[in-house]
Amino acid sequence: MNPTFTPLQQEAIAEFTAFFRAWPGGRRAITIGGSTGKGLADARSDFDFRIFHEEDLPWPDRDPELWKPLWPLLESWKARGVTVDGVWPRRIADLDAQLQRWIDGHLDVEPKEWSIWGYHLPTDIFNQYIIEDDAGIIARWRGWLTPFPPKLKAAILAKHGGSLRYWHSDYHYENKVARRDPVFLAGLSARLVHDVMQVLFALNETYFPGDGANLSHAEKFTLRPTDLTPRVSAILYPAPGDDIFVRQHAALRALIDDTLALLPHP
């Protein structure tokens, strides 16, 4: 689904595109990622520009003069009401190699300070709004990712399904519940819900969307536990009470049971 842009946003996209088109880098694609690429943008969304380029395109530390005009351009559009998070240039050859590793079942999740669960390359590649791509770079990568690669699916299910099995009846978890350890239990609950999301997205052969809109996506899946959204919400935001962590633990174990029941048997 293509996003709908306001006239002001269209003007901003045109100006930034012209700006990036003048940069070095040879054959390239200019796109917008993030929520715009996924078709989930709203009034709070910003623009995350991407440049996928063939030749060298130096970063600010190597060529500050190339990048210097970008900073006031960002500020001027922000003052007009269009927030652009910036641009992320990446070499095509590097992404060819990295994407092939994902397809082969290597989960090379990159830790990023702006992402809770790390950067997932297939999601970013698959969900780009294309502004210019005469060489068909994005189409080629999407072809690699369609249908959902079997080795990638198997690796996700093994990793996150294994985590769910481990923690389901782990005595360390039970001890922390008995000790009412809020920091540990908040962190583990979020992690295990993330494991559930990863399993559901892989089972339904859909690329994990990253940190946002997990539940709205998952509610549309054919393979999912019943009442997924209220159950996840109750786990992450349990009602206060003396038995708060006991209830959270029981609800999470039940969700894990229902999720693992969806996995194919060996």
C-alpha atoms as a PDB file:
ATOM      1  CA  MET A   1       0.000   0.000   0.000  1.00  0.00           C
ATOM      2  CA  ASN A   2       1.521   3.306  -1.099  1.00  0.00           C
ATOM      3  CA  PRO A   3       1.446   6.142   1.437  1.00  0.00           C
ATOM      4  CA  THR A   4      -0.450   9.344   0.802  1.00  0.00           C
ATOM      5  CA  PHE A   5       1.673  12.465   1.126  1.00  0.00           C
ATOM      6  CA  THR A   6       0.523  16.018   1.741  1.00  0.00           C
ATOM      7  CA  PRO A   7       1.611  18.652  -0.797  1.00  0.00           C
ATOM      8  CA  LEU A   8       4.178  19.906   1.730  1.00  0.00           C
ATOM      9  CA  GLN A   9       5.597  16.408   2.200  1.00  0.00           C
ATOM     10  CA  GLN A  10       5.737  15.924  -1.568  1.00  0.00           C
ATOM     11  CA  GLU A  11       7.700  19.158  -1.863  1.00  0.00           C
ATOM     12  CA  ALA A  12      10.107  18.004   0.844  1.00  0.00           C
ATOM     13  CA  ILE A  13      10.626  14.609  -0.796  1.00  0.00           C
ATOM     14  CA  ALA A  14      11.322  16.272  -4.151  1.00  0.00           C
ATOM     15  CA  GLU A  15      13.884  18.656  -2.654  1.00  0.00           C
ATOM     16  CA  PHE A  16      15.725  15.950  -0.691  1.00  0.00           C
ATOM     17  CA  THR A  17      15.694  13.638  -3.708  1.00  0.00           C
ATOM     18  CA  ALA A  18      17.296  16.313  -5.873  1.00  0.00           C
ATOM     19  CA  PHE A  19      19.839  16.942  -3.143  1.00  0.00           C
ATOM     20  CA  PHE A  20      20.819  13.273  -2.835  1.00  0.00           C
ATOM     21  CA  ARG A  21      20.823  12.785  -6.594  1.00  0.00           C
ATOM     22  CA  ALA A  22      23.760  15.205  -6.806  1.00  0.00           C
ATOM     23  CA  TRP A  23      25.892  13.105  -4.437  1.00  0.00           C
ATOM     24  CA  PRO A  24      28.520  10.640  -5.697  1.00  0.00           C
ATOM     25  CA  GLY A  25      27.923   6.898  -5.551  1.00  0.00           C
ATOM     26  CA  GLY A  26      27.176   5.815  -9.086  1.00  0.00           C
ATOM     27  CA  ARG A  27      24.210   3.517  -9.717  1.00  0.00           C
ATOM     28  CA  ARG A  28      21.755   3.918  -6.848  1.00  0.00           C
ATOM     29  CA  ALA A  29      18.275   3.701  -5.409  1.00  0.00           C
ATOM     30  CA  ILE A  30      16.744   6.485  -3.313  1.00  0.00           C
ATOM     31  CA  THR A  31      14.008   5.322  -0.959  1.00  0.00           C
ATOM     32  CA  ILE A  32      12.214   6.025   2.309  1.00  0.00           C
ATOM     33  CA  GLY A  33      12.201   3.348   4.980  1.00  0.00           C
ATOM     34  CA  GLY A  34      10.722   3.205   8.463  1.00  0.00           C
ATOM     35  CA  SER A  35       6.983   3.552   8.926  1.00  0.00           C
ATOM     36  CA  THR A  36       6.583   5.132   5.488  1.00  0.00           C
ATOM     37  CA  GLY A  37       8.150   2.114   3.805  1.00  0.00           C
ATOM     38  CA  LYS A  38       5.893  -0.205   5.784  1.00  0.00           C
ATOM     39  CA  GLY A  39       2.757   1.764   4.955  1.00  0.00           C
ATOM     40  CA  LEU A  40       2.206   2.607   8.636  1.00  0.00           C
ATOM     41  CA  ALA A  41       3.058   6.309   8.673  1.00  0.00           C
ATOM     42  CA  ASP A  42       0.875   8.697  10.648  1.00  0.00           C
ATOM     43  CA  ALA A  43       1.012  12.341  11.702  1.00  0.00           C
ATOM     44  CA  ARG A  44       3.885  11.612  14.106  1.00  0.00           C
ATOM     45  CA  SER A  45       6.058   9.817  11.556  1.00  0.00           C
ATOM     46  CA  ASP A  46       9.272  11.233  10.184  1.00  0.00           C
ATOM     47  CA  PHE A  47      11.077  10.423   6.936  1.00  0.00           C
ATOM     48  CA  ASP A  48      13.980   7.965   6.955  1.00  0.00           C
ATOM     49  CA  PHE A  49      15.766   8.371   3.636  1.00  0.00           C
ATOM     50  CA  ARG A  50      17.990   5.601   2.284  1.00  0.00           C
ATOM     51  CA  ILE A  51      20.538   5.674  -0.513  1.00  0.00           C
ATOM     52  CA  PHE A  52      21.648   2.279  -1.809  1.00  0.00           C
ATOM     53  CA  HIS A  53      24.706   3.054  -3.912  1.00  0.00           C
ATOM     54  CA  GLU A  54      27.216   1.138  -6.026  1.00  0.00           C
ATOM     55  CA  GLU A  55      30.385   3.194  -5.600  1.00  0.00           C
ATOM     56  CA  ASP A  56      31.985   4.886  -2.638  1.00  0.00           C
ATOM     57  CA  LEU A  57      29.891   7.529  -0.860  1.00  0.00           C
ATOM     58  CA  PRO A  58      31.927   8.924   2.054  1.00  0.00           C
ATOM     59  CA  TRP A  59      30.349   9.461   5.458  1.00  0.00           C
ATOM     60  CA  PRO A  60      30.564  12.826   7.288  1.00  0.00           C
ATOM     61  CA  ASP A  61      33.787  11.958   9.118  1.00  0.00           C
ATOM     62  CA  ARG A  62      35.517  11.380   5.761  1.00  0.00           C
ATOM     63  CA  ASP A  63      33.940  14.182   3.745  1.00  0.00           C
ATOM     64  CA  PRO A  64      32.301  16.785   6.009  1.00  0.00           C
ATOM     65  CA  GLU A  65      31.987  19.265   3.134  1.00  0.00           C
ATOM     66  CA  LEU A  66      29.753  16.881   1.179  1.00  0.00           C
ATOM     67  CA  TRP A  67      27.389  16.559   4.124  1.00  0.00           C
ATOM     68  CA  LYS A  68      27.585  20.144   5.396  1.00  0.00           C
ATOM     69  CA  PRO A  69      24.638  21.487   3.305  1.00  0.00           C
ATOM     70  CA  LEU A  70      22.386  18.664   4.584  1.00  0.00           C
ATOM     71  CA  TRP A  71      22.204  19.900   8.181  1.00  0.00           C
ATOM     72  CA  PRO A  72      20.553  23.289   7.494  1.00  0.00           C
ATOM     73  CA  LEU A  73      18.250  21.595   4.981  1.00  0.00           C
ATOM     74  CA  LEU A  74      17.033  19.246   7.713  1.00  0.00           C
ATOM     75  CA  GLU A  75      16.467  22.150  10.091  1.00  0.00           C
ATOM     76  CA  SER A  76      14.630  24.267   7.535  1.00  0.00           C
ATOM     77  CA  TRP A  77      12.158  21.494   6.754  1.00  0.00           C
ATOM     78  CA  LYS A  78      11.686  20.703  10.427  1.00  0.00           C
ATOM     79  CA  ALA A  79      10.715  24.356  10.978  1.00  0.00           C
ATOM     80  CA  ARG A  80       8.141  23.965   8.191  1.00  0.00           C
ATOM     81  CA  GLY A  81       6.638  20.886   9.839  1.00  0.00           C
ATOM     82  CA  VAL A  82       8.342  18.029   7.986  1.00  0.00           C
ATOM     83  CA  THR A  83      10.786  16.068  10.118  1.00  0.00           C
ATOM     84  CA  VAL A  84      13.458  14.154   8.242  1.00  0.00           C
ATOM     85  CA  ASP A  85      15.461  11.807  10.461  1.00  0.00           C
ATOM     86  CA  GLY A  86      18.337  11.871   7.983  1.00  0.00           C
ATOM     87  CA  VAL A  87      19.741   9.618   5.302  1.00  0.00           C
ATOM     88  CA  TRP A  88      21.500   6.260   5.559  1.00  0.00           C
ATOM     89  CA  PRO A  89      23.799   5.517   2.603  1.00  0.00           C
ATOM     90  CA  ARG A  90      24.749   1.834   2.123  1.00  0.00           C
ATOM     91  CA  ARG A  91      26.784   0.049  -0.524  1.00  0.00           C
ATOM     92  CA  ILE A  92      24.898  -2.413  -2.711  1.00  0.00           C
ATOM     93  CA  ALA A  93      27.674  -5.013  -2.638  1.00  0.00           C
ATOM     94  CA  ASP A  94      27.766  -4.965   1.180  1.00  0.00           C
ATOM     95  CA  LEU A  95      24.025  -5.510   1.400  1.00  0.00           C
ATOM     96  CA  ASP A  96      24.157  -8.266  -1.224  1.00  0.00           C
ATOM     97  CA  ALA A  97      26.460 -10.223   1.080  1.00  0.00           C
ATOM     98  CA  GLN A  98      24.599  -9.394   4.290  1.00  0.00           C
ATOM     99  CA  LEU A  99      21.197 -10.220   2.851  1.00  0.00           C
ATOM    100  CA  GLN A 100      22.449 -13.541   1.516  1.00  0.00           C
ATOM    101  CA  ARG A 101      23.580 -14.492   5.020  1.00  0.00           C
ATOM    102  CA  TRP A 102      20.068 -13.822   6.343  1.00  0.00           C
ATOM    103  CA  ILE A 103      18.569 -15.907   3.547  1.00  0.00           C
ATOM    104  CA  ASP A 104      20.976 -18.714   4.461  1.00  0.00           C
ATOM    105  CA  GLY A 105      19.686 -18.676   8.041  1.00  0.00           C
ATOM    106  CA  HIS A 106      22.246 -16.481   9.808  1.00  0.00           C
ATOM    107  CA  LEU A 107      20.368 -14.059  12.059  1.00  0.00           C
ATOM    108  CA  ASP A 108      22.767 -11.142  11.875  1.00  0.00           C
ATOM    109  CA  VAL A 109      20.695  -8.771  13.994  1.00  0.00           C
ATOM    110  CA  GLU A 110      22.669  -5.536  14.366  1.00  0.00           C
ATOM    111  CA  PRO A 111      22.495  -3.773  17.741  1.00  0.00           C
ATOM    112  CA  LYS A 112      21.477  -0.157  17.215  1.00  0.00           C
ATOM    113  CA  GLU A 113      20.899   2.485  19.869  1.00  0.00           C
ATOM    114  CA  TRP A 114      17.680   3.522  18.102  1.00  0.00           C
ATOM    115  CA  SER A 115      16.204   0.008  18.071  1.00  0.00           C
ATOM    116  CA  ILE A 116      15.051  -1.990  21.087  1.00  0.00           C
ATOM    117  CA  TRP A 117      15.448  -5.400  19.428  1.00  0.00           C
ATOM    118  CA  GLY A 118      18.134  -4.553  16.903  1.00  0.00           C
ATOM    119  CA  TYR A 119      18.155  -3.872  13.185  1.00  0.00           C
ATOM    120  CA  HIS A 120      16.724  -6.616  10.949  1.00  0.00           C
ATOM    121  CA  LEU A 121      18.008  -6.169   7.408  1.00  0.00           C
ATOM    122  CA  PRO A 122      15.321  -8.209   5.563  1.00  0.00           C
ATOM    123  CA  THR A 123      12.552  -6.120   7.108  1.00  0.00           C
ATOM    124  CA  ASP A 124      14.234  -2.882   6.061  1.00  0.00           C
ATOM    125  CA  ILE A 125      14.942  -4.073   2.522  1.00  0.00           C
ATOM    126  CA  PHE A 126      11.486  -5.547   1.998  1.00  0.00           C
ATOM    127  CA  ASN A 127       9.717  -2.414   3.266  1.00  0.00           C
ATOM    128  CA  GLN A 128      11.082   0.516   1.284  1.00  0.00           C
ATOM    129  CA  TYR A 129       9.045   3.212  -0.432  1.00  0.00           C
ATOM    130  CA  ILE A 130      10.905   3.655  -3.706  1.00  0.00           C
ATOM    131  CA  ILE A 131      11.469   7.192  -4.958  1.00  0.00           C
ATOM    132  CA  GLU A 132      14.032   6.379  -7.641  1.00  0.00           C
ATOM    133  CA  ASP A 133      15.408   2.992  -8.622  1.00  0.00           C
ATOM    134  CA  ASP A 134      15.968   2.820 -12.370  1.00  0.00           C
ATOM    135  CA  ALA A 135      18.397  -0.071 -11.923  1.00  0.00           C
ATOM    136  CA  GLY A 136      15.831  -2.221 -10.089  1.00  0.00           C
ATOM    137  CA  ILE A 137      18.051  -2.690  -7.029  1.00  0.00           C
ATOM    138  CA  ILE A 138      15.204  -2.983  -4.522  1.00  0.00           C
ATOM    139  CA  ALA A 139      13.162  -5.221  -6.836  1.00  0.00           C
ATOM    140  CA  ARG A 140      16.117  -7.593  -7.105  1.00  0.00           C
ATOM    141  CA  TRP A 141      16.459  -7.850  -3.337  1.00  0.00           C
ATOM    142  CA  ARG A 142      12.728  -8.303  -2.874  1.00  0.00           C
ATOM    143  CA  GLY A 143      12.949 -11.142  -5.369  1.00  0.00           C
ATOM    144  CA  TRP A 144      15.495 -12.815  -3.110  1.00  0.00           C
ATOM    145  CA  LEU A 145      13.107 -12.457  -0.174  1.00  0.00           C
ATOM    146  CA  THR A 146      10.026 -13.797  -1.982  1.00  0.00           C
ATOM    147  CA  PRO A 147       8.829 -16.291  -0.973  1.00  0.00           C
ATOM    148  CA  PHE A 148       9.983 -16.222   2.648  1.00  0.00           C
ATOM    149  CA  PRO A 149      13.328 -18.085   2.693  1.00  0.00           C
ATOM    150  CA  PRO A 150      12.963 -21.545   4.350  1.00  0.00           C
ATOM    151  CA  LYS A 151      16.369 -21.412   6.083  1.00  0.00           C
ATOM    152  CA  LEU A 152      15.590 -18.011   7.546  1.00  0.00           C
ATOM    153  CA  LYS A 153      12.230 -19.248   8.824  1.00  0.00           C
ATOM    154  CA  ALA A 154      13.818 -22.331  10.391  1.00  0.00           C
ATOM    155  CA  ALA A 155      16.527 -20.260  12.094  1.00  0.00           C
ATOM    156  CA  ILE A 156      14.014 -17.812  13.604  1.00  0.00           C
ATOM    157  CA  LEU A 157      11.807 -20.618  14.895  1.00  0.00           C
ATOM    158  CA  ALA A 158      14.810 -22.446  16.356  1.00  0.00           C
ATOM    159  CA  LYS A 159      16.199 -19.387  18.133  1.00  0.00           C
ATOM    160  CA  HIS A 160      13.033 -17.847  19.527  1.00  0.00           C
ATOM    161  CA  GLY A 161      11.136 -21.098  19.981  1.00  0.00           C
ATOM    162  CA  GLY A 162      14.134 -22.403  21.913  1.00  0.00           C
ATOM    163  CA  SER A 163      14.077 -19.345  24.165  1.00  0.00           C
ATOM    164  CA  LEU A 164      10.377 -19.859  24.897  1.00  0.00           C
ATOM    165  CA  ARG A 165      10.930 -23.520  25.752  1.00  0.00           C
ATOM    166  CA  TYR A 166      13.850 -22.690  28.032  1.00  0.00           C
ATOM    167  CA  TRP A 167      12.120 -19.998  30.063  1.00  0.00           C
ATOM    168  CA  HIS A 168       8.688 -21.644  30.244  1.00  0.00           C
ATOM    169  CA  SER A 169       9.537 -23.717  33.325  1.00  0.00           C
ATOM    170  CA  ASP A 170      12.903 -22.297  34.341  1.00  0.00           C
ATOM    171  CA  TYR A 171      13.442 -22.268  38.094  1.00  0.00           C
ATOM    172  CA  HIS A 172      15.349 -18.964  37.961  1.00  0.00           C
ATOM    173  CA  TYR A 173      12.210 -17.376  36.561  1.00  0.00           C
ATOM    174  CA  GLU A 174      10.061 -18.967  39.271  1.00  0.00           C
ATOM    175  CA  ASN A 175      12.479 -17.746  41.954  1.00  0.00           C
ATOM    176  CA  LYS A 176      12.321 -14.184  40.679  1.00  0.00           C
ATOM    177  CA  VAL A 177       8.517 -14.358  40.760  1.00  0.00           C
ATOM    178  CA  ALA A 178       8.640 -15.538  44.374  1.00  0.00           C
ATOM    179  CA  ARG A 179      11.120 -12.777  45.230  1.00  0.00           C
ATOM    180  CA  ARG A 180       8.997 -10.157  43.415  1.00  0.00           C
ATOM    181  CA  ASP A 181      11.929  -8.812  41.421  1.00  0.00           C
ATOM    182  CA  PRO A 182      10.325  -6.119  39.206  1.00  0.00           C
ATOM    183  CA  VAL A 183      13.376  -5.206  37.117  1.00  0.00           C
ATOM    184  CA  PHE A 184      14.154  -8.801  36.168  1.00  0.00           C
ATOM    185  CA  LEU A 185      10.519  -9.676  35.528  1.00  0.00           C
ATOM    186  CA  ALA A 186       9.801  -6.585  33.447  1.00  0.00           C
ATOM    187  CA  GLY A 187      12.823  -7.274  31.262  1.00  0.00           C
ATOM    188  CA  LEU A 188      12.154 -10.983  30.878  1.00  0.00           C
ATOM    189  CA  SER A 189       8.453 -10.492  30.147  1.00  0.00           C
ATOM    190  CA  ALA A 190       9.258  -8.057  27.343  1.00  0.00           C
ATOM    191  CA  ARG A 191      11.885 -10.414  25.958  1.00  0.00           C
ATOM    192  CA  LEU A 192       9.570 -13.425  25.963  1.00  0.00           C
ATOM    193  CA  VAL A 193       6.760 -11.449  24.311  1.00  0.00           C
ATOM    194  CA  HIS A 194       9.320 -10.495  21.672  1.00  0.00           C
ATOM    195  CA  ASP A 195      10.161 -14.198  21.234  1.00  0.00           C
ATOM    196  CA  VAL A 196       6.447 -14.897  20.755  1.00  0.00           C
ATOM    197  CA  MET A 197       6.228 -12.155  18.118  1.00  0.00           C
ATOM    198  CA  GLN A 198       9.249 -13.480  16.266  1.00  0.00           C
ATOM    199  CA  VAL A 199       7.807 -17.002  16.189  1.00  0.00           C
ATOM    200  CA  LEU A 200       4.423 -15.781  14.949  1.00  0.00           C
ATOM    201  CA  PHE A 201       5.907 -13.635  12.198  1.00  0.00           C
ATOM    202  CA  ALA A 202       8.115 -16.485  10.998  1.00  0.00           C
ATOM    203  CA  LEU A 203       5.270 -19.014  11.130  1.00  0.00           C
ATOM    204  CA  ASN A 204       3.153 -16.693   9.015  1.00  0.00           C
ATOM    205  CA  GLU A 205       6.114 -15.981   6.714  1.00  0.00           C
ATOM    206  CA  THR A 206       5.977 -12.247   7.295  1.00  0.00           C
ATOM    207  CA  TYR A 207       9.002 -10.071   7.942  1.00  0.00           C
ATOM    208  CA  PHE A 208       9.172  -8.838  11.528  1.00  0.00           C
ATOM    209  CA  PRO A 209       8.324  -5.110  11.413  1.00  0.00           C
ATOM    210  CA  GLY A 210      10.829  -4.030  14.039  1.00  0.00           C
ATOM    211  CA  ASP A 211       9.903  -2.174  17.203  1.00  0.00           C
ATOM    212  CA  GLY A 212       6.513  -0.869  16.090  1.00  0.00           C
ATOM    213  CA  ALA A 213       3.065  -2.189  15.198  1.00  0.00           C
ATOM    214  CA  ASN A 214       3.787  -5.821  16.105  1.00  0.00           C
ATOM    215  CA  LEU A 215       0.333  -6.572  17.476  1.00  0.00           C
ATOM    216  CA  SER A 216      -1.610  -4.857  14.698  1.00  0.00           C
ATOM    217  CA  HIS A 217       0.257  -7.044  12.220  1.00  0.00           C
ATOM    218  CA  ALA A 218      -0.027 -10.228  14.257  1.00  0.00           C
ATOM    219  CA  GLU A 219      -3.779  -9.890  14.766  1.00  0.00           C
ATOM    220  CA  LYS A 220      -4.206 -10.468  11.021  1.00  0.00           C
ATOM    221  CA  PHE A 221      -2.275 -13.742  11.014  1.00  0.00           C
ATOM    222  CA  THR A 222      -3.892 -17.075  10.345  1.00  0.00           C
ATOM    223  CA  LEU A 223      -1.552 -18.790  12.796  1.00  0.00           C
ATOM    224  CA  ARG A 224      -1.751 -17.049  16.175  1.00  0.00           C
ATOM    225  CA  PRO A 225      -3.004 -17.661  19.714  1.00  0.00           C
ATOM    226  CA  THR A 226      -6.547 -16.552  20.438  1.00  0.00           C
ATOM    227  CA  ASP A 227      -7.112 -13.124  22.041  1.00  0.00           C
ATOM    228  CA  LEU A 228      -3.509 -12.192  21.328  1.00  0.00           C
ATOM    229  CA  THR A 229      -3.709  -8.432  21.876  1.00  0.00           C
ATOM    230  CA  PRO A 230      -5.509  -8.436  25.249  1.00  0.00           C
ATOM    231  CA  ARG A 231      -3.295 -11.257  26.497  1.00  0.00           C
ATOM    232  CA  VAL A 232      -0.070  -9.498  25.535  1.00  0.00           C
ATOM    233  CA  SER A 233      -1.327  -6.223  26.982  1.00  0.00           C
ATOM    234  CA  ALA A 234      -2.205  -7.907  30.280  1.00  0.00           C
ATOM    235  CA  ILE A 235       1.248  -9.506  30.453  1.00  0.00           C
ATOM    236  CA  LEU A 236       3.163  -6.307  29.787  1.00  0.00           C
ATOM    237  CA  TYR A 237       0.856  -4.092  31.866  1.00  0.00           C
ATOM    238  CA  PRO A 238      -0.521  -6.373  34.607  1.00  0.00           C
ATOM    239  CA  ALA A 239      -3.113  -5.015  37.006  1.00  0.00           C
ATOM    240  CA  PRO A 240      -1.671  -4.099  40.421  1.00  0.00           C
ATOM    241  CA  GLY A 241      -2.095  -6.481  43.338  1.00  0.00           C
ATOM    242  CA  ASP A 242      -0.164  -8.690  45.724  1.00  0.00           C
ATOM    243  CA  ASP A 243      -0.176 -11.492  43.167  1.00  0.00           C
ATOM    244  CA  ILE A 244       0.825  -9.290  40.206  1.00  0.00           C
ATOM    245  CA  PHE A 245       3.913 -11.312  39.261  1.00  0.00           C
ATOM    246  CA  VAL A 246       2.245 -14.676  39.845  1.00  0.00           C
ATOM    247  CA  ARG A 247      -0.531 -13.685  37.422  1.00  0.00           C
ATOM    248  CA  GLN A 248       1.951 -12.317  34.919  1.00  0.00           C
ATOM    249  CA  HIS A 249       3.990 -15.531  35.072  1.00  0.00           C
ATOM    250  CA  ALA A 250       0.946 -17.746  34.606  1.00  0.00           C
ATOM    251  CA  ALA A 251      -0.375 -15.666  31.705  1.00  0.00           C
ATOM    252  CA  LEU A 252       2.983 -15.676  29.964  1.00  0.00           C
ATOM    253  CA  ARG A 253       3.392 -19.436  30.354  1.00  0.00           C
ATOM    254  CA  ALA A 254      -0.066 -19.959  28.872  1.00  0.00           C
ATOM    255  CA  LEU A 255       0.796 -17.717  25.913  1.00  0.00           C
ATOM    256  CA  ILE A 256       4.038 -19.623  25.392  1.00  0.00           C
ATOM    257  CA  ASP A 257       2.123 -22.923  25.441  1.00  0.00           C
ATOM    258  CA  ASP A 258      -0.322 -21.696  22.812  1.00  0.00           C
ATOM    259  CA  THR A 259       2.478 -20.305  20.657  1.00  0.00           C
ATOM    260  CA  LEU A 260       4.601 -23.440  20.775  1.00  0.00           C
ATOM    261  CA  ALA A 261       1.528 -25.523  19.930  1.00  0.00           C
ATOM    262  CA  LEU A 262       1.501 -23.775  16.538  1.00  0.00           C
ATOM    263  CA  LEU A 263       4.990 -24.966  15.650  1.00  0.00           C
ATOM    264  CA  PRO A 264       5.290 -27.912  13.275  1.00  0.00           C
ATOM    265  CA  HIS A 265       6.282 -31.140  15.002  1.00  0.00           C
ATOM    266  CA  PRO A 266       9.665 -32.602  14.018  1.00  0.00           C
END
